[in-house]
Protein backbone atom coordinates (compact mmCIF):
# COMPACT_ATOMS: atom_id res chain seq x y z
CA MET A 1 0.38 80.48 -27.30
CA THR A 2 1.27 82.56 -24.32
CA ILE A 3 4.96 82.48 -23.26
CA THR A 4 5.43 82.88 -19.54
CA ARG A 5 8.29 84.62 -17.76
CA THR A 6 9.39 81.23 -16.35
CA GLN A 7 9.77 79.76 -19.83
CA ILE A 8 11.81 82.77 -20.94
CA ARG A 9 14.11 82.37 -17.94
CA ARG A 10 14.62 78.64 -18.66
CA GLY A 11 15.36 79.36 -22.30
CA SER A 12 17.96 81.95 -21.32
CA LEU A 13 19.66 79.56 -18.89
CA LEU A 14 19.82 76.80 -21.53
CA ALA A 15 21.36 79.15 -24.06
CA ALA A 16 23.96 80.28 -21.51
CA LEU A 17 24.88 76.68 -20.69
CA LEU A 18 25.28 75.79 -24.37
CA ALA A 19 27.53 78.82 -24.89
CA LEU A 20 29.67 77.84 -21.91
CA LEU A 21 30.08 74.28 -23.16
CA CYS A 22 31.04 75.44 -26.63
CA SER A 23 33.66 77.81 -25.26
CA ALA A 24 35.13 74.98 -23.13
CA PHE A 25 35.52 72.76 -26.18
CA LEU A 26 37.07 75.56 -28.18
CA VAL A 27 39.96 76.05 -25.72
CA LEU A 28 40.96 72.36 -25.72
CA PRO A 29 44.10 71.71 -27.79
CA ALA A 30 43.59 69.47 -30.80
CA ASN A 31 46.53 67.15 -29.82
CA ALA A 32 47.32 67.44 -26.10
CA GLU A 33 50.89 66.40 -25.28
CA PRO A 34 51.12 63.54 -22.74
CA LEU A 35 52.49 64.41 -19.33
CA PRO A 36 56.00 63.08 -18.57
CA PHE A 37 55.96 59.48 -17.27
CA GLU A 38 52.13 59.31 -17.28
CA ASP A 39 52.19 55.85 -18.88
CA CYS A 40 54.13 54.29 -15.98
CA PRO A 41 51.81 51.84 -14.16
CA THR A 42 51.55 51.75 -10.37
CA GLY A 43 54.00 49.47 -8.57
CA ARG A 44 56.72 49.63 -11.22
CA LEU A 45 60.10 51.22 -11.83
CA CYS A 46 59.80 52.39 -15.43
CA LEU A 47 63.01 52.73 -17.42
CA TYR A 48 62.92 54.82 -20.60
CA ASP A 49 65.50 55.13 -23.35
CA GLY A 50 64.37 58.72 -23.94
CA SER A 51 64.23 61.86 -21.82
CA GLN A 52 61.14 62.76 -19.73
CA GLY A 53 59.58 59.32 -20.00
CA SER A 54 59.79 59.10 -23.78
CA GLY A 55 60.92 56.28 -26.03
CA THR A 56 60.80 52.58 -25.24
CA ARG A 57 59.72 51.65 -21.70
CA VAL A 58 60.89 48.70 -19.59
CA ASP A 59 58.95 47.91 -16.39
CA VAL A 60 60.66 46.53 -13.27
CA ALA A 61 58.60 45.04 -10.42
CA GLU A 62 59.27 45.81 -6.74
CA GLY A 63 62.49 44.17 -5.57
CA GLY A 64 63.81 43.93 -9.13
CA LYS A 65 67.46 44.46 -10.01
CA ALA A 66 70.03 44.28 -12.79
CA GLU A 67 73.72 44.07 -11.92
CA ARG A 68 74.70 44.19 -15.59
CA ASP A 69 73.22 45.08 -18.97
CA ALA A 70 70.88 47.73 -17.66
CA GLY A 71 70.39 48.94 -21.23
CA THR A 72 70.05 52.54 -22.35
CA VAL A 73 68.32 54.46 -19.56
CA LEU A 74 67.82 58.21 -20.00
CA SER A 75 64.95 58.72 -17.55
CA VAL A 76 63.03 56.75 -14.91
CA LYS A 77 59.80 56.91 -12.95
CA ASN A 78 59.46 55.08 -9.62
CA THR A 79 55.86 54.24 -8.74
CA THR A 80 56.82 51.44 -6.32
CA GLY A 81 56.93 51.67 -2.53
CA MET A 82 60.69 51.09 -2.60
CA TRP A 83 63.78 53.20 -3.26
CA ALA A 84 65.39 52.89 -6.68
CA CYS A 85 69.20 52.76 -6.62
CA MET A 86 70.76 53.73 -9.97
CA TYR A 87 74.51 53.09 -10.35
CA GLY A 88 77.02 54.45 -12.85
CA ARG A 89 78.78 51.10 -13.30
CA PRO A 90 77.82 47.43 -13.36
CA GLU A 91 77.63 45.45 -10.09
CA TYR A 92 76.37 48.44 -8.08
CA GLY A 93 79.60 50.36 -8.65
CA GLY A 94 80.51 53.93 -9.56
CA GLY A 95 78.33 56.95 -8.92
CA LEU A 96 74.91 56.60 -7.29
CA GLN A 97 71.55 58.29 -7.89
CA THR A 98 68.62 57.43 -5.61
CA VAL A 99 64.97 57.82 -6.62
CA LYS A 100 62.42 57.82 -3.79
CA PRO A 101 58.95 56.31 -4.18
CA GLY A 102 56.74 58.41 -6.45
CA ASN A 103 59.57 60.39 -8.02
CA GLY A 104 61.10 60.49 -11.48
CA ASP A 105 64.67 61.20 -12.52
CA GLU A 106 66.55 62.38 -15.62
CA TYR A 107 69.95 61.15 -16.82
CA VAL A 108 70.62 63.72 -19.52
CA THR A 109 71.56 67.21 -18.36
CA ALA A 110 72.60 69.92 -20.81
CA GLY A 111 73.26 67.25 -23.40
CA VAL A 112 75.52 65.23 -21.10
CA ARG A 113 74.40 61.68 -20.36
CA TRP A 114 74.83 60.01 -16.95
CA VAL A 115 75.25 56.31 -17.74
CA VAL A 116 73.21 53.77 -15.75
CA GLY A 117 75.27 50.58 -15.39
CA SER A 118 73.11 48.71 -12.85
CA TYR A 119 70.14 49.22 -10.56
CA LYS A 120 68.10 47.68 -7.75
CA LEU A 121 64.94 48.38 -5.74
CA VAL A 122 65.34 48.27 -1.94
CA PRO A 123 63.16 49.03 1.12
CA THR A 124 65.32 51.91 2.45
CA ARG A 125 67.69 54.44 0.90
CA ALA A 126 70.52 53.27 3.18
CA LEU A 127 70.57 49.93 1.35
CA CYS A 128 71.55 51.72 -1.86
CA PHE A 129 74.99 52.35 -0.37
CA THR A 130 75.90 48.70 0.17
CA GLY A 131 76.14 45.55 -1.94
CA TYR A 132 77.08 43.05 0.76
CA GLU A 133 73.75 41.25 0.36
CA ARG A 134 75.13 39.54 -2.75
CA CYS A 135 77.41 37.38 -0.60
CA GLN A 136 75.70 34.12 0.35
CA ASP A 137 75.97 32.13 3.58
CA GLY A 138 79.17 30.08 3.76
CA GLN A 139 81.04 32.27 1.26
CA VAL A 140 84.11 34.49 1.43
CA CYS A 141 83.40 37.51 -0.79
CA THR A 142 85.68 40.36 -1.77
CA PHE A 143 84.59 43.51 -3.60
CA ALA A 144 86.32 46.07 -5.81
CA GLU A 145 84.70 49.07 -4.08
CA LYS A 146 83.73 50.17 -0.58
CA ASN A 147 80.77 48.71 1.31
CA GLY A 148 80.41 45.61 -0.82
CA ARG A 149 79.92 47.52 -4.07
CA GLY A 150 81.57 46.96 -7.41
CA ALA A 151 82.90 43.72 -8.90
CA LEU A 152 82.30 40.72 -6.64
CA THR A 153 84.65 37.75 -6.29
CA VAL A 154 83.44 34.64 -4.46
CA HIS A 155 86.40 32.63 -3.16
CA THR A 156 86.21 28.85 -3.03
CA PRO A 157 88.71 27.65 -0.41
CA GLY A 158 91.25 25.06 -1.45
CA LEU A 159 94.06 23.24 0.35
CA ASP A 160 97.53 24.48 -0.58
CA ALA A 161 99.76 21.39 -0.77
CA ALA A 162 102.95 23.33 -0.01
CA THR A 163 101.77 25.41 2.94
CA GLY A 164 98.83 23.39 4.24
CA ASN A 165 96.69 26.53 4.24
CA HIS A 166 92.99 26.14 3.58
CA GLY A 167 92.14 29.30 1.68
CA SER A 168 92.63 31.16 -1.60
CA SER A 169 95.48 32.80 -3.49
CA TYR A 170 94.84 35.43 -6.18
CA GLY A 171 96.43 38.17 -8.24
CA PRO A 172 96.21 41.98 -8.19
CA GLU A 173 93.19 41.97 -10.52
CA VAL A 174 91.02 41.01 -7.51
CA ALA A 175 92.35 43.90 -5.38
CA PRO A 176 89.84 43.66 -2.49
CA VAL A 177 88.60 46.99 -1.13
CA SER A 178 85.85 45.48 1.04
CA VAL A 179 85.19 42.00 2.41
CA PHE A 180 82.32 39.89 3.76
CA ASN A 181 83.23 36.75 5.72
CA ARG A 182 80.05 34.67 5.83
CA THR A 183 81.81 31.50 6.95
CA ALA A 184 82.02 29.90 10.39
CA GLU A 185 85.78 30.57 10.56
CA HIS A 186 88.02 33.63 10.79
CA LEU A 187 89.90 35.08 7.81
CA CYS A 188 93.59 35.96 7.76
CA PHE A 189 94.62 38.12 4.77
CA TYR A 190 98.21 38.50 3.48
CA PRO A 191 99.96 40.81 0.98
CA ASN A 192 101.73 37.93 -0.81
CA ALA A 193 100.15 35.13 -2.85
CA ASP A 194 101.94 32.48 -0.75
CA TYR A 195 100.19 33.37 2.56
CA SER A 196 103.08 35.53 3.77
CA GLY A 197 104.24 39.13 4.05
CA SER A 198 103.49 42.04 6.35
CA TRP A 199 102.41 45.68 6.42
CA THR A 200 104.03 48.57 8.23
CA GLN A 201 102.11 51.57 9.51
CA GLY A 202 104.25 53.98 11.48
CA ALA A 203 106.13 51.96 14.05
CA THR A 204 103.70 49.03 13.86
CA THR A 205 104.11 45.93 11.68
CA TYR A 206 101.12 43.72 10.86
CA GLY A 207 101.61 40.11 9.80
CA ALA A 208 97.96 39.54 8.84
CA TYR A 209 94.72 41.44 8.47
CA VAL A 210 91.89 39.59 10.23
CA VAL A 211 88.18 39.60 9.43
CA LEU A 212 86.25 37.69 12.06
CA ARG A 213 83.53 35.19 11.18
CA GLY A 214 80.28 36.87 10.11
CA GLN A 215 81.84 40.33 9.71
CA SER A 216 81.85 42.68 6.72
CA VAL A 217 84.33 45.53 6.42
CA THR A 218 85.69 48.21 4.12
CA VAL A 219 89.43 47.63 4.30
CA PRO A 220 91.37 50.65 5.68
CA PRO A 221 94.85 51.85 4.65
CA PRO A 222 97.53 50.56 4.38
CA PHE A 223 95.75 47.29 3.59
CA THR A 224 93.33 48.59 0.93
CA GLY A 225 93.72 46.72 -2.35
CA THR A 226 96.83 44.84 -1.22
CA PHE A 227 95.42 41.40 -0.34
CA ARG A 228 96.79 38.55 -2.47
CA SER A 229 95.85 35.52 -0.36
CA HIS A 230 93.84 34.51 2.67
CA GLU A 231 93.30 31.47 4.83
CA LEU A 232 90.44 30.28 7.02
CA VAL A 233 91.34 29.51 10.64
CA ALA A 234 89.53 28.39 13.78
CA GLY A 235 91.36 30.95 15.94
CA THR A 236 93.20 34.16 15.07
CA SER A 237 96.38 32.86 16.72
CA GLU A 238 96.68 30.52 13.73
CA CYS A 239 97.34 33.41 11.34
CA GLN A 240 100.88 33.28 9.91
């Protein structure tokens, strides 16, 4: 049988291709390590109890949240279209870490763990800095931290038989730092539990701190954390 030059060329090319394929297989590692967070499905905030996406994974859908019992979280991957807000304390309190869409984050640095106490997924990063949305229509809500963050107290107004005030009286454990008045009336706050007292700032004395209907506010000095009672009024002239 006569072997042509074309057949020789084809045989050489086939041998070269086989050699190339063999060399490619030889450089592949026997047990390739998975990339960090590669198991996180699209459209989820993945919470891991190990570093770099290791350990047990918990998936959170868009808009999900946990004000308490966030569990052990040492790393996260955010594959949603929302911002992930990670807080150092329950009820959106304490320190804040934000994770933009598509990013991951670590909560162990040099052996030091940053505790995740609560979290939520929101449309914009700005919404990570406030927790006022927890207050429902018709409620008076006070918060232990600025901008509606931290422990929330919902006040149910009652009628004080002695004073005739329609409002709430409470102790120092409530210590409001911010307020949301989602009622149809105005709020008059006082430093004493019996709807009385005043504050002095410089040469000015204040008999009540007023939050108008529908307003939210971080309470400024000297009023911060001093409220012990409040009443609901139709007009601010009715404040004591």
